[in-house]
């Protein structure tokens, strides 16, 4: 089983990808994790990526693609995976097709986690992060034992600028513009399946598991 998870910020892609990886016994591939791992290990690709990341620039598609190719070199043609955070644009989607074809692979489904604006705002605006150890909390779904205080280190929690309502709305507008061409591309290839992600995470997970059973 090979799946791509798409969805706006707050749709729960990372959460679902990790759960699916455990349930389906396949690898969870996060391009963000690949980037951080290469930077941490100070690989050649990591050194190149670090320069962009330190400037606050997006890492070029070419570098991300090369990291993905390197990672997939350990996979066999029958191995499954869940792709989270990639592709982000049409160019990456076409590069991914080329990469997989060269390995005798294809994507089974592209799952779009369709999430309403109200739910996205509730999920993201409720997030709080420890100012010292970076542990994440949520004021409704995973609150700390003491209001706005980290359970682990006792330091104050804070809301990231990215998680404020106006910023969330702007991020959502940008995302929907960027993802439109990807949705069209995978719809034309008859790979795209939309799943409502407004429900609680276990409900959404079961919907995706059911879909995976059809492949």
N, C-alpha and C. Protein backbone atom coordinates (compact mmCIF):
# COMPACT_ATOMS: atom_id res chain seq x y z
N UNK A 1 0.84 -1.18 0.00
CA UNK A 1 0.00 0.00 0.00
C UNK A 1 0.88 1.24 0.00
N UNK A 2 0.63 2.12 -0.99
CA UNK A 2 1.37 3.39 -1.06
C UNK A 2 0.36 4.53 -1.14
N UNK A 3 0.41 5.39 -0.14
CA UNK A 3 -0.54 6.50 -0.05
C UNK A 3 0.20 7.82 0.02
N UNK A 4 -0.43 8.85 -0.55
CA UNK A 4 -0.02 10.23 -0.33
C UNK A 4 -1.13 10.89 0.48
N UNK A 5 -0.76 11.61 1.54
CA UNK A 5 -1.74 12.36 2.32
C UNK A 5 -1.60 13.84 1.99
N UNK A 6 -2.69 14.43 1.51
CA UNK A 6 -2.75 15.86 1.26
C UNK A 6 -3.80 16.47 2.19
N UNK A 7 -3.65 17.76 2.45
CA UNK A 7 -4.65 18.43 3.27
C UNK A 7 -4.08 19.73 3.80
N UNK A 8 -4.96 20.64 4.16
CA UNK A 8 -4.52 21.95 4.65
C UNK A 8 -3.86 21.86 6.02
N UNK A 9 -3.22 22.94 6.46
CA UNK A 9 -2.68 22.95 7.82
C UNK A 9 -3.80 22.65 8.81
N UNK A 10 -3.52 21.77 9.78
CA UNK A 10 -4.53 21.43 10.76
C UNK A 10 -5.41 20.26 10.38
N UNK A 11 -5.18 19.68 9.20
CA UNK A 11 -6.00 18.54 8.77
C UNK A 11 -5.62 17.26 9.50
N UNK A 12 -4.42 17.24 10.07
CA UNK A 12 -3.99 16.05 10.81
C UNK A 12 -3.17 15.08 10.00
N UNK A 13 -2.48 15.57 8.96
CA UNK A 13 -1.70 14.68 8.08
C UNK A 13 -0.64 13.90 8.85
N UNK A 14 0.12 14.61 9.70
CA UNK A 14 1.19 13.95 10.44
C UNK A 14 0.65 12.90 11.39
N UNK A 15 -0.42 13.24 12.10
CA UNK A 15 -1.04 12.30 13.04
C UNK A 15 -1.53 11.06 12.33
N UNK A 16 -2.25 11.25 11.21
CA UNK A 16 -2.78 10.12 10.46
C UNK A 16 -1.68 9.28 9.84
N UNK A 17 -0.64 9.94 9.33
CA UNK A 17 0.46 9.21 8.69
C UNK A 17 1.14 8.27 9.68
N UNK A 18 1.38 8.76 10.90
CA UNK A 18 2.03 7.92 11.92
C UNK A 18 1.13 6.75 12.32
N UNK A 19 -0.16 7.02 12.49
CA UNK A 19 -1.08 5.94 12.87
C UNK A 19 -1.22 4.91 11.75
N UNK A 20 -1.31 5.40 10.52
CA UNK A 20 -1.43 4.49 9.37
C UNK A 20 -0.19 3.63 9.22
N UNK A 21 0.97 4.23 9.44
CA UNK A 21 2.22 3.49 9.35
C UNK A 21 2.22 2.31 10.30
N UNK A 22 1.72 2.53 11.52
CA UNK A 22 1.67 1.45 12.52
C UNK A 22 0.62 0.40 12.16
N UNK A 23 -0.55 0.86 11.72
CA UNK A 23 -1.64 -0.08 11.42
C UNK A 23 -1.38 -0.90 10.16
N UNK A 24 -0.80 -0.26 9.14
CA UNK A 24 -0.59 -0.94 7.86
C UNK A 24 0.79 -1.58 7.74
N UNK A 25 1.63 -1.33 8.75
CA UNK A 25 3.00 -1.88 8.76
C UNK A 25 3.79 -1.43 7.54
N UNK A 26 3.72 -0.14 7.25
CA UNK A 26 4.49 0.43 6.16
C UNK A 26 5.22 1.67 6.68
N UNK A 27 6.20 2.14 5.91
CA UNK A 27 7.01 3.27 6.34
C UNK A 27 6.25 4.58 6.24
N UNK A 28 6.51 5.46 7.19
CA UNK A 28 6.01 6.83 7.14
C UNK A 28 7.15 7.70 6.64
N UNK A 29 6.97 8.31 5.47
CA UNK A 29 8.01 9.16 4.89
C UNK A 29 7.56 10.61 4.99
N UNK A 30 8.23 11.36 5.84
CA UNK A 30 7.98 12.80 5.96
C UNK A 30 9.18 13.53 5.39
N UNK A 31 8.96 14.34 4.36
CA UNK A 31 10.09 15.05 3.77
C UNK A 31 10.68 16.05 4.75
N UNK A 32 9.85 16.57 5.66
CA UNK A 32 10.38 17.45 6.71
C UNK A 32 11.36 16.71 7.60
N UNK A 33 11.01 15.46 7.96
CA UNK A 33 11.91 14.65 8.78
C UNK A 33 13.19 14.31 8.02
N UNK A 34 13.05 14.02 6.71
CA UNK A 34 14.24 13.73 5.90
C UNK A 34 15.19 14.92 5.88
N UNK A 35 14.61 16.11 5.72
CA UNK A 35 15.44 17.33 5.72
C UNK A 35 16.17 17.48 7.04
N UNK A 36 15.42 17.38 8.14
CA UNK A 36 16.04 17.57 9.46
C UNK A 36 17.10 16.51 9.74
N UNK A 37 16.84 15.27 9.30
CA UNK A 37 17.81 14.19 9.52
C UNK A 37 19.10 14.44 8.74
N UNK A 38 18.97 14.88 7.49
CA UNK A 38 20.17 15.16 6.68
C UNK A 38 20.97 16.32 7.26
N UNK A 39 20.25 17.33 7.75
CA UNK A 39 20.94 18.47 8.37
C UNK A 39 21.64 18.02 9.65
N UNK A 40 20.95 17.22 10.46
CA UNK A 40 21.53 16.75 11.71
C UNK A 40 22.77 15.91 11.47
N UNK A 41 22.72 15.04 10.44
CA UNK A 41 23.86 14.16 10.15
C UNK A 41 24.94 14.88 9.33
N UNK A 42 24.65 16.12 8.95
CA UNK A 42 25.61 16.94 8.22
C UNK A 42 26.05 16.28 6.92
N UNK A 43 25.08 15.66 6.22
CA UNK A 43 25.38 15.07 4.92
C UNK A 43 25.60 16.18 3.89
N UNK A 44 26.06 15.79 2.71
CA UNK A 44 26.23 16.77 1.64
C UNK A 44 24.92 17.47 1.31
N UNK A 45 23.84 16.68 1.23
CA UNK A 45 22.53 17.26 0.96
C UNK A 45 22.08 18.13 2.13
N UNK A 46 22.39 17.68 3.34
CA UNK A 46 22.02 18.44 4.53
C UNK A 46 22.71 19.79 4.59
N UNK A 47 23.97 19.82 4.21
CA UNK A 47 24.72 21.09 4.20
C UNK A 47 24.10 22.06 3.20
N UNK A 48 23.74 21.54 2.03
CA UNK A 48 23.11 22.39 1.02
C UNK A 48 21.77 22.92 1.49
N UNK A 49 20.98 22.03 2.13
CA UNK A 49 19.65 22.42 2.61
C UNK A 49 19.75 23.42 3.74
N UNK A 50 20.75 23.26 4.63
CA UNK A 50 20.88 24.13 5.79
C UNK A 50 21.00 25.60 5.38
N UNK A 51 21.73 25.84 4.30
CA UNK A 51 21.93 27.22 3.86
C UNK A 51 20.60 27.90 3.54
N UNK A 52 19.68 27.15 2.92
CA UNK A 52 18.36 27.71 2.60
C UNK A 52 17.53 27.88 3.86
N UNK A 53 17.56 26.87 4.73
CA UNK A 53 16.75 26.89 5.93
C UNK A 53 17.16 28.02 6.87
N UNK A 54 18.46 28.26 6.97
CA UNK A 54 18.94 29.33 7.86
C UNK A 54 18.54 30.71 7.37
N UNK A 55 18.35 30.82 6.04
CA UNK A 55 17.88 32.10 5.47
C UNK A 55 16.37 32.22 5.53
N UNK A 56 15.70 31.15 5.91
CA UNK A 56 14.24 31.16 5.94
C UNK A 56 13.62 30.91 4.58
N UNK A 57 14.42 30.42 3.63
CA UNK A 57 13.93 30.14 2.28
C UNK A 57 13.45 28.70 2.19
N UNK A 58 12.57 28.44 1.20
CA UNK A 58 12.16 27.07 0.93
C UNK A 58 13.33 26.30 0.33
N UNK A 59 13.50 25.06 0.75
CA UNK A 59 14.53 24.21 0.16
C UNK A 59 14.08 23.85 -1.26
N UNK A 60 14.94 24.04 -2.27
CA UNK A 60 14.54 23.78 -3.66
C UNK A 60 14.06 22.35 -3.89
N UNK A 61 13.14 22.21 -4.84
CA UNK A 61 12.60 20.89 -5.17
C UNK A 61 13.71 19.89 -5.49
N UNK A 62 14.74 20.34 -6.18
CA UNK A 62 15.81 19.43 -6.58
C UNK A 62 16.44 18.74 -5.38
N UNK A 63 16.70 19.51 -4.32
CA UNK A 63 17.31 18.94 -3.12
C UNK A 63 16.36 17.98 -2.42
N UNK A 64 15.10 18.38 -2.30
CA UNK A 64 14.10 17.51 -1.65
C UNK A 64 13.96 16.21 -2.44
N UNK A 65 13.92 16.31 -3.77
CA UNK A 65 13.80 15.13 -4.61
C UNK A 65 14.99 14.19 -4.42
N UNK A 66 16.18 14.75 -4.34
CA UNK A 66 17.39 13.92 -4.17
C UNK A 66 17.38 13.21 -2.82
N UNK A 67 16.90 13.90 -1.78
CA UNK A 67 16.80 13.25 -0.47
C UNK A 67 15.80 12.09 -0.52
N UNK A 68 14.69 12.32 -1.22
CA UNK A 68 13.68 11.27 -1.33
C UNK A 68 14.22 10.07 -2.10
N UNK A 69 14.92 10.33 -3.21
CA UNK A 69 15.51 9.25 -4.00
C UNK A 69 16.48 8.45 -3.14
N UNK A 70 17.32 9.14 -2.40
CA UNK A 70 18.29 8.46 -1.53
C UNK A 70 17.59 7.59 -0.51
N UNK A 71 16.51 8.10 0.06
CA UNK A 71 15.76 7.34 1.06
C UNK A 71 15.10 6.11 0.44
N UNK A 72 14.55 6.27 -0.76
CA UNK A 72 13.85 5.17 -1.41
C UNK A 72 14.78 4.10 -1.95
N UNK A 73 16.07 4.40 -1.97
CA UNK A 73 17.03 3.41 -2.48
C UNK A 73 17.03 2.13 -1.64
N UNK A 74 16.56 2.24 -0.39
CA UNK A 74 16.53 1.05 0.48
C UNK A 74 15.21 0.29 0.36
N UNK A 75 14.28 0.79 -0.48
CA UNK A 75 12.97 0.15 -0.63
C UNK A 75 12.97 -0.82 -1.80
N UNK A 76 12.25 -1.93 -1.63
CA UNK A 76 12.02 -2.85 -2.73
C UNK A 76 10.75 -2.50 -3.47
N UNK A 77 10.52 -3.07 -4.67
CA UNK A 77 9.35 -2.72 -5.48
C UNK A 77 8.02 -3.07 -4.83
N UNK A 78 8.04 -3.96 -3.83
CA UNK A 78 6.79 -4.34 -3.16
C UNK A 78 6.56 -3.57 -1.86
N UNK A 79 7.52 -2.76 -1.44
CA UNK A 79 7.41 -2.07 -0.16
C UNK A 79 6.39 -0.92 -0.22
N UNK A 80 5.63 -0.78 0.84
CA UNK A 80 4.65 0.30 0.91
C UNK A 80 5.16 1.47 1.73
N UNK A 81 4.43 2.59 1.64
CA UNK A 81 4.80 3.77 2.43
C UNK A 81 3.63 4.75 2.46
N UNK A 82 3.71 5.66 3.42
CA UNK A 82 2.78 6.78 3.53
C UNK A 82 3.60 8.05 3.33
N UNK A 83 3.29 8.83 2.31
CA UNK A 83 4.01 10.08 2.06
C UNK A 83 3.26 11.24 2.69
N UNK A 84 3.98 11.99 3.53
CA UNK A 84 3.39 13.09 4.29
C UNK A 84 4.23 14.35 4.04
N UNK A 85 3.59 15.39 3.46
CA UNK A 85 4.31 16.64 3.21
C UNK A 85 4.95 16.73 1.84
N UNK A 86 4.68 15.76 1.00
CA UNK A 86 5.23 15.72 -0.35
C UNK A 86 4.31 14.86 -1.20
N UNK A 87 4.00 15.27 -2.42
CA UNK A 87 4.43 16.50 -3.10
C UNK A 87 3.63 17.72 -2.63
N UNK A 88 4.27 18.89 -2.75
CA UNK A 88 3.63 20.15 -2.39
C UNK A 88 3.16 20.93 -3.61
N UNK A 89 3.65 20.55 -4.77
CA UNK A 89 3.29 21.28 -5.99
C UNK A 89 3.31 20.32 -7.17
N UNK A 90 2.87 20.80 -8.32
CA UNK A 90 2.74 19.95 -9.50
C UNK A 90 4.09 19.44 -9.98
N UNK A 91 5.11 20.28 -9.92
CA UNK A 91 6.45 19.85 -10.36
C UNK A 91 6.94 18.68 -9.50
N UNK A 92 6.72 18.76 -8.19
CA UNK A 92 7.12 17.65 -7.32
C UNK A 92 6.32 16.39 -7.61
N UNK A 93 5.03 16.55 -7.93
CA UNK A 93 4.19 15.39 -8.24
C UNK A 93 4.71 14.66 -9.48
N UNK A 94 5.09 15.41 -10.48
CA UNK A 94 5.61 14.80 -11.71
C UNK A 94 6.98 14.17 -11.47
N UNK A 95 7.79 14.81 -10.64
CA UNK A 95 9.09 14.22 -10.28
C UNK A 95 8.89 12.92 -9.52
N UNK A 96 7.91 12.91 -8.61
CA UNK A 96 7.62 11.70 -7.85
C UNK A 96 7.22 10.56 -8.78
N UNK A 97 6.39 10.85 -9.77
CA UNK A 97 5.99 9.82 -10.74
C UNK A 97 7.22 9.21 -11.41
N UNK A 98 8.15 10.06 -11.82
CA UNK A 98 9.36 9.60 -12.49
C UNK A 98 10.21 8.74 -11.55
N UNK A 99 10.36 9.21 -10.30
CA UNK A 99 11.14 8.47 -9.30
C UNK A 99 10.54 7.08 -9.07
N UNK A 100 9.22 7.02 -8.90
CA UNK A 100 8.58 5.74 -8.61
C UNK A 100 8.60 4.80 -9.81
N UNK A 101 8.37 5.36 -11.00
CA UNK A 101 8.41 4.52 -12.21
C UNK A 101 9.75 3.84 -12.34
N UNK A 102 10.82 4.57 -12.03
CA UNK A 102 12.16 4.00 -12.11
C UNK A 102 12.38 2.85 -11.15
N UNK A 103 11.49 2.69 -10.17
CA UNK A 103 11.59 1.62 -9.19
C UNK A 103 10.46 0.61 -9.34
N UNK A 104 9.70 0.73 -10.41
CA UNK A 104 8.59 -0.19 -10.63
C UNK A 104 7.47 -0.01 -9.64
N UNK A 105 7.30 1.22 -9.14
CA UNK A 105 6.28 1.50 -8.14
C UNK A 105 5.23 2.46 -8.69
N UNK A 106 4.10 2.53 -7.98
CA UNK A 106 3.07 3.53 -8.28
C UNK A 106 2.32 3.84 -6.98
N UNK A 107 1.63 4.96 -6.99
CA UNK A 107 0.81 5.35 -5.84
C UNK A 107 -0.56 4.69 -5.96
N UNK A 108 -1.06 4.12 -4.86
CA UNK A 108 -2.40 3.51 -4.88
C UNK A 108 -3.48 4.58 -4.77
N UNK A 109 -3.37 5.44 -3.75
CA UNK A 109 -4.36 6.49 -3.56
C UNK A 109 -3.68 7.76 -3.08
N UNK A 110 -4.27 8.88 -3.46
CA UNK A 110 -3.91 10.18 -2.89
C UNK A 110 -5.11 10.61 -2.05
N UNK A 111 -4.93 10.65 -0.75
CA UNK A 111 -6.03 10.94 0.17
C UNK A 111 -5.98 12.42 0.53
N UNK A 112 -7.04 13.13 0.15
CA UNK A 112 -7.16 14.55 0.51
C UNK A 112 -8.03 14.65 1.76
N UNK A 113 -7.41 15.12 2.84
CA UNK A 113 -8.13 15.27 4.11
C UNK A 113 -8.88 16.60 4.09
N UNK A 114 -10.13 16.52 3.69
CA UNK A 114 -10.97 17.71 3.50
C UNK A 114 -11.42 18.23 4.87
N UNK A 115 -10.97 19.44 5.21
CA UNK A 115 -11.21 19.96 6.55
C UNK A 115 -11.79 21.37 6.46
N UNK A 116 -12.85 21.64 7.21
CA UNK A 116 -13.48 22.95 7.17
C UNK A 116 -12.62 24.00 7.87
N UNK A 117 -12.83 25.25 7.45
CA UNK A 117 -12.04 26.35 8.04
C UNK A 117 -12.26 26.44 9.54
N UNK A 118 -13.50 26.27 9.99
CA UNK A 118 -13.79 26.39 11.42
C UNK A 118 -13.01 25.35 12.24
N UNK A 119 -12.94 24.12 11.73
CA UNK A 119 -12.22 23.07 12.44
C UNK A 119 -10.72 23.34 12.43
N UNK A 120 -10.20 23.79 11.29
CA UNK A 120 -8.77 24.11 11.19
C UNK A 120 -8.40 25.18 12.21
N UNK A 121 -9.22 26.23 12.29
CA UNK A 121 -8.93 27.33 13.23
C UNK A 121 -8.99 26.81 14.67
N UNK A 122 -10.00 25.98 14.96
CA UNK A 122 -10.11 25.44 16.33
C UNK A 122 -8.88 24.61 16.70
N UNK A 123 -8.42 23.79 15.76
CA UNK A 123 -7.28 22.92 16.04
C UNK A 123 -5.99 23.71 16.19
N UNK A 124 -5.73 24.61 15.25
CA UNK A 124 -4.45 25.31 15.25
C UNK A 124 -4.39 26.44 16.27
N UNK A 125 -5.48 27.18 16.41
CA UNK A 125 -5.45 28.31 17.35
C UNK A 125 -5.39 27.84 18.80
N UNK A 126 -5.76 26.59 19.03
CA UNK A 126 -5.72 26.04 20.38
C UNK A 126 -4.37 25.44 20.75
N UNK A 127 -3.45 25.39 19.80
CA UNK A 127 -2.14 24.81 20.10
C UNK A 127 -1.30 25.75 20.96
N UNK A 128 -0.56 25.16 21.89
CA UNK A 128 0.38 25.90 22.72
C UNK A 128 1.68 25.10 22.77
N UNK A 129 2.79 25.80 22.83
CA UNK A 129 4.09 25.13 22.83
C UNK A 129 4.92 25.65 24.00
N UNK A 130 5.69 24.76 24.61
CA UNK A 130 6.55 25.16 25.72
C UNK A 130 7.67 26.05 25.20
N UNK A 131 7.91 27.15 25.90
CA UNK A 131 8.94 28.10 25.49
C UNK A 131 10.35 27.56 25.70
N UNK A 132 10.46 26.47 26.48
CA UNK A 132 11.78 25.92 26.77
C UNK A 132 12.05 24.60 26.06
N UNK A 133 11.14 23.61 26.23
CA UNK A 133 11.43 22.28 25.68
C UNK A 133 10.61 21.93 24.44
N UNK A 134 9.79 22.88 23.97
CA UNK A 134 9.06 22.75 22.70
C UNK A 134 8.02 21.63 22.67
N UNK A 135 7.59 21.14 23.83
CA UNK A 135 6.50 20.16 23.86
C UNK A 135 5.20 20.86 23.48
N UNK A 136 4.39 20.18 22.65
CA UNK A 136 3.13 20.74 22.17
C UNK A 136 1.96 20.33 23.06
N UNK A 137 1.04 21.26 23.25
CA UNK A 137 -0.21 21.02 23.97
C UNK A 137 -1.36 21.59 23.14
N UNK A 138 -2.59 21.32 23.59
CA UNK A 138 -3.77 21.93 22.98
C UNK A 138 -4.73 22.26 24.11
N UNK A 139 -5.25 23.48 24.11
CA UNK A 139 -6.07 23.92 25.23
C UNK A 139 -7.34 23.09 25.42
N UNK A 140 -7.79 22.42 24.34
CA UNK A 140 -8.99 21.59 24.44
C UNK A 140 -8.66 20.10 24.39
N UNK A 141 -7.88 19.70 23.39
CA UNK A 141 -7.64 18.27 23.14
C UNK A 141 -6.55 17.67 24.02
N UNK A 142 -5.55 18.47 24.40
CA UNK A 142 -4.45 17.95 25.21
C UNK A 142 -3.91 19.05 26.12
N UNK A 143 -4.73 19.50 27.08
CA UNK A 143 -4.32 20.63 27.93
C UNK A 143 -3.26 20.22 28.94
N UNK A 144 -2.43 21.17 29.38
CA UNK A 144 -1.48 20.89 30.46
C UNK A 144 -2.22 20.76 31.78
N UNK A 145 -1.56 20.18 32.76
CA UNK A 145 -2.19 20.01 34.07
C UNK A 145 -2.46 21.37 34.73
N UNK A 146 -1.54 22.31 34.53
CA UNK A 146 -1.70 23.68 35.03
C UNK A 146 -1.81 24.61 33.84
N UNK A 147 -2.73 25.54 33.91
CA UNK A 147 -3.00 26.43 32.78
C UNK A 147 -1.73 27.16 32.33
N UNK A 148 -1.40 26.98 31.03
CA UNK A 148 -0.29 27.68 30.36
C UNK A 148 1.06 27.41 31.01
N UNK A 149 1.21 26.21 31.62
CA UNK A 149 2.50 25.82 32.20
C UNK A 149 2.84 24.41 31.72
N UNK A 150 4.07 24.22 31.28
CA UNK A 150 4.50 22.92 30.75
C UNK A 150 4.54 21.86 31.84
N UNK A 151 3.96 20.70 31.57
CA UNK A 151 3.95 19.59 32.53
C UNK A 151 5.36 19.10 32.82
N UNK A 152 6.23 19.14 31.81
CA UNK A 152 7.56 18.54 31.95
C UNK A 152 8.54 19.44 32.69
N UNK A 153 8.62 20.72 32.26
CA UNK A 153 9.68 21.57 32.82
C UNK A 153 9.16 22.76 33.63
N UNK A 154 7.85 22.98 33.62
CA UNK A 154 7.28 24.06 34.41
C UNK A 154 7.45 25.45 33.83
N UNK A 155 7.95 25.53 32.59
CA UNK A 155 8.12 26.83 31.95
C UNK A 155 6.82 27.26 31.27
N UNK A 156 6.66 28.55 30.96
CA UNK A 156 5.41 29.04 30.35
C UNK A 156 5.18 28.47 28.94
N UNK A 157 3.92 28.28 28.63
CA UNK A 157 3.53 27.90 27.27
C UNK A 157 3.24 29.17 26.48
N UNK A 158 3.37 29.07 25.16
CA UNK A 158 3.08 30.23 24.31
C UNK A 158 2.37 29.78 23.04
N UNK A 159 1.71 30.74 22.42
CA UNK A 159 1.06 30.48 21.13
C UNK A 159 1.97 31.00 20.03
N UNK A 160 2.26 30.15 19.06
CA UNK A 160 3.10 30.57 17.95
C UNK A 160 2.35 31.57 17.07
N UNK A 161 3.09 32.45 16.45
CA UNK A 161 2.48 33.44 15.55
C UNK A 161 1.68 32.74 14.46
N UNK A 162 2.21 31.62 13.95
CA UNK A 162 1.55 30.87 12.88
C UNK A 162 0.19 30.32 13.30
N UNK A 163 -0.05 30.23 14.61
CA UNK A 163 -1.28 29.63 15.11
C UNK A 163 -2.33 30.65 15.53
N UNK A 164 -2.11 31.91 15.19
CA UNK A 164 -3.13 32.93 15.45
C UNK A 164 -4.15 32.94 14.32
N UNK A 165 -5.40 33.28 14.64
CA UNK A 165 -6.50 33.08 13.70
C UNK A 165 -6.27 33.76 12.35
N UNK A 166 -5.86 35.02 12.35
CA UNK A 166 -5.67 35.72 11.07
C UNK A 166 -4.57 35.08 10.24
N UNK A 167 -3.50 34.65 10.92
CA UNK A 167 -2.41 33.98 10.20
C UNK A 167 -2.87 32.65 9.63
N UNK A 168 -3.67 31.93 10.40
CA UNK A 168 -4.20 30.64 9.92
C UNK A 168 -5.03 30.85 8.66
N UNK A 169 -5.89 31.86 8.66
CA UNK A 169 -6.73 32.13 7.49
C UNK A 169 -5.88 32.45 6.26
N UNK A 170 -4.83 33.22 6.46
CA UNK A 170 -3.93 33.55 5.34
C UNK A 170 -3.21 32.30 4.83
N UNK A 171 -2.74 31.48 5.76
CA UNK A 171 -2.07 30.23 5.37
C UNK A 171 -3.00 29.34 4.57
N UNK A 172 -4.28 29.31 4.98
CA UNK A 172 -5.25 28.46 4.31
C UNK A 172 -5.50 28.94 2.88
N UNK A 173 -5.62 30.25 2.68
CA UNK A 173 -5.81 30.80 1.34
C UNK A 173 -4.64 30.43 0.44
N UNK A 174 -3.42 30.60 0.95
CA UNK A 174 -2.22 30.27 0.18
C UNK A 174 -2.20 28.78 -0.17
N UNK A 175 -2.51 27.94 0.83
CA UNK A 175 -2.47 26.50 0.61
C UNK A 175 -3.47 26.07 -0.47
N UNK A 176 -4.69 26.58 -0.39
CA UNK A 176 -5.73 26.16 -1.33
C UNK A 176 -5.37 26.55 -2.76
N UNK A 177 -4.71 27.70 -2.92
CA UNK A 177 -4.25 28.10 -4.26
C UNK A 177 -3.18 27.14 -4.77
N UNK A 178 -2.25 26.79 -3.89
CA UNK A 178 -1.14 25.93 -4.28
C UNK A 178 -1.60 24.51 -4.58
N UNK A 179 -2.57 24.01 -3.82
CA UNK A 179 -2.95 22.61 -3.94
C UNK A 179 -3.92 22.35 -5.09
N UNK A 180 -4.52 23.40 -5.65
CA UNK A 180 -5.54 23.22 -6.69
C UNK A 180 -5.00 22.41 -7.87
N UNK A 181 -3.79 22.73 -8.33
CA UNK A 181 -3.23 22.02 -9.49
C UNK A 181 -2.92 20.57 -9.14
N UNK A 182 -2.52 20.32 -7.89
CA UNK A 182 -2.25 18.94 -7.46
C UNK A 182 -3.53 18.11 -7.45
N UNK A 183 -4.61 18.71 -6.94
CA UNK A 183 -5.88 18.01 -6.90
C UNK A 183 -6.34 17.66 -8.32
N UNK A 184 -6.25 18.62 -9.22
CA UNK A 184 -6.62 18.37 -10.62
C UNK A 184 -5.78 17.24 -11.22
N UNK A 185 -4.49 17.28 -10.94
CA UNK A 185 -3.56 16.29 -11.50
C UNK A 185 -3.94 14.89 -11.04
N UNK A 186 -4.17 14.72 -9.76
CA UNK A 186 -4.46 13.37 -9.26
C UNK A 186 -5.89 12.95 -9.55
N UNK A 187 -6.79 13.91 -9.71
CA UNK A 187 -8.14 13.56 -10.15
C UNK A 187 -8.12 13.02 -11.58
N UNK A 188 -7.34 13.66 -12.44
CA UNK A 188 -7.22 13.20 -13.83
C UNK A 188 -6.61 11.80 -13.90
N UNK A 189 -5.73 11.49 -12.94
CA UNK A 189 -5.12 10.16 -12.90
C UNK A 189 -5.98 9.16 -12.14
N UNK A 190 -7.15 9.63 -11.67
CA UNK A 190 -8.10 8.79 -10.93
C UNK A 190 -7.45 8.17 -9.67
N UNK A 191 -6.64 8.97 -9.02
CA UNK A 191 -5.98 8.54 -7.79
C UNK A 191 -6.55 9.23 -6.54
N UNK A 192 -7.20 10.36 -6.73
CA UNK A 192 -7.60 11.19 -5.60
C UNK A 192 -8.88 10.69 -4.93
N UNK A 193 -8.85 10.61 -3.61
CA UNK A 193 -10.03 10.28 -2.82
C UNK A 193 -10.14 11.33 -1.71
N UNK A 194 -11.30 11.96 -1.60
CA UNK A 194 -11.53 12.96 -0.55
C UNK A 194 -12.16 12.29 0.66
N UNK A 195 -11.60 12.58 1.83
CA UNK A 195 -12.15 12.07 3.08
C UNK A 195 -12.34 13.25 4.03
N UNK A 196 -13.52 13.35 4.62
CA UNK A 196 -13.76 14.42 5.57
C UNK A 196 -12.89 14.20 6.81
N UNK A 197 -12.11 15.23 7.15
CA UNK A 197 -11.21 15.13 8.31
C UNK A 197 -11.69 16.00 9.46
N UNK A 198 -12.96 16.41 9.43
CA UNK A 198 -13.52 17.19 10.53
C UNK A 198 -13.78 16.34 11.77
N UNK A 199 -13.90 15.00 11.57
CA UNK A 199 -14.16 14.09 12.69
C UNK A 199 -12.90 13.93 13.55
N UNK A 200 -13.07 13.27 14.69
CA UNK A 200 -11.93 12.97 15.55
C UNK A 200 -10.95 12.05 14.82
N UNK A 201 -9.69 12.11 15.22
CA UNK A 201 -8.63 11.38 14.53
C UNK A 201 -8.91 9.87 14.36
N UNK A 202 -9.41 9.16 15.39
CA UNK A 202 -9.66 7.72 15.20
C UNK A 202 -10.71 7.43 14.13
N UNK A 203 -11.71 8.30 14.02
CA UNK A 203 -12.75 8.12 13.00
C UNK A 203 -12.16 8.30 11.60
N UNK A 204 -11.35 9.33 11.44
CA UNK A 204 -10.70 9.59 10.16
C UNK A 204 -9.77 8.43 9.80
N UNK A 205 -9.02 7.96 10.79
CA UNK A 205 -8.11 6.84 10.56
C UNK A 205 -8.85 5.62 10.04
N UNK A 206 -10.00 5.30 10.62
CA UNK A 206 -10.76 4.13 10.18
C UNK A 206 -11.26 4.29 8.75
N UNK A 207 -11.59 5.53 8.36
CA UNK A 207 -12.02 5.77 6.98
C UNK A 207 -10.87 5.46 6.00
N UNK A 208 -9.66 5.88 6.37
CA UNK A 208 -8.51 5.65 5.49
C UNK A 208 -8.15 4.16 5.46
N UNK A 209 -8.25 3.49 6.62
CA UNK A 209 -7.97 2.05 6.69
C UNK A 209 -8.94 1.30 5.77
N UNK A 210 -10.20 1.71 5.80
CA UNK A 210 -11.22 1.08 4.93
C UNK A 210 -10.86 1.26 3.46
N UNK A 211 -10.41 2.48 3.13
CA UNK A 211 -9.98 2.75 1.75
C UNK A 211 -8.80 1.87 1.37
N UNK A 212 -7.85 1.75 2.28
CA UNK A 212 -6.65 0.95 1.99
C UNK A 212 -7.00 -0.50 1.72
N UNK A 213 -8.06 -0.97 2.34
CA UNK A 213 -8.48 -2.36 2.14
C UNK A 213 -8.99 -2.63 0.74
N UNK A 214 -9.30 -1.58 -0.03
CA UNK A 214 -9.79 -1.77 -1.40
C UNK A 214 -8.66 -1.93 -2.40
N UNK A 215 -7.46 -1.53 -2.01
CA UNK A 215 -6.34 -1.54 -2.97
C UNK A 215 -5.86 -2.96 -3.25
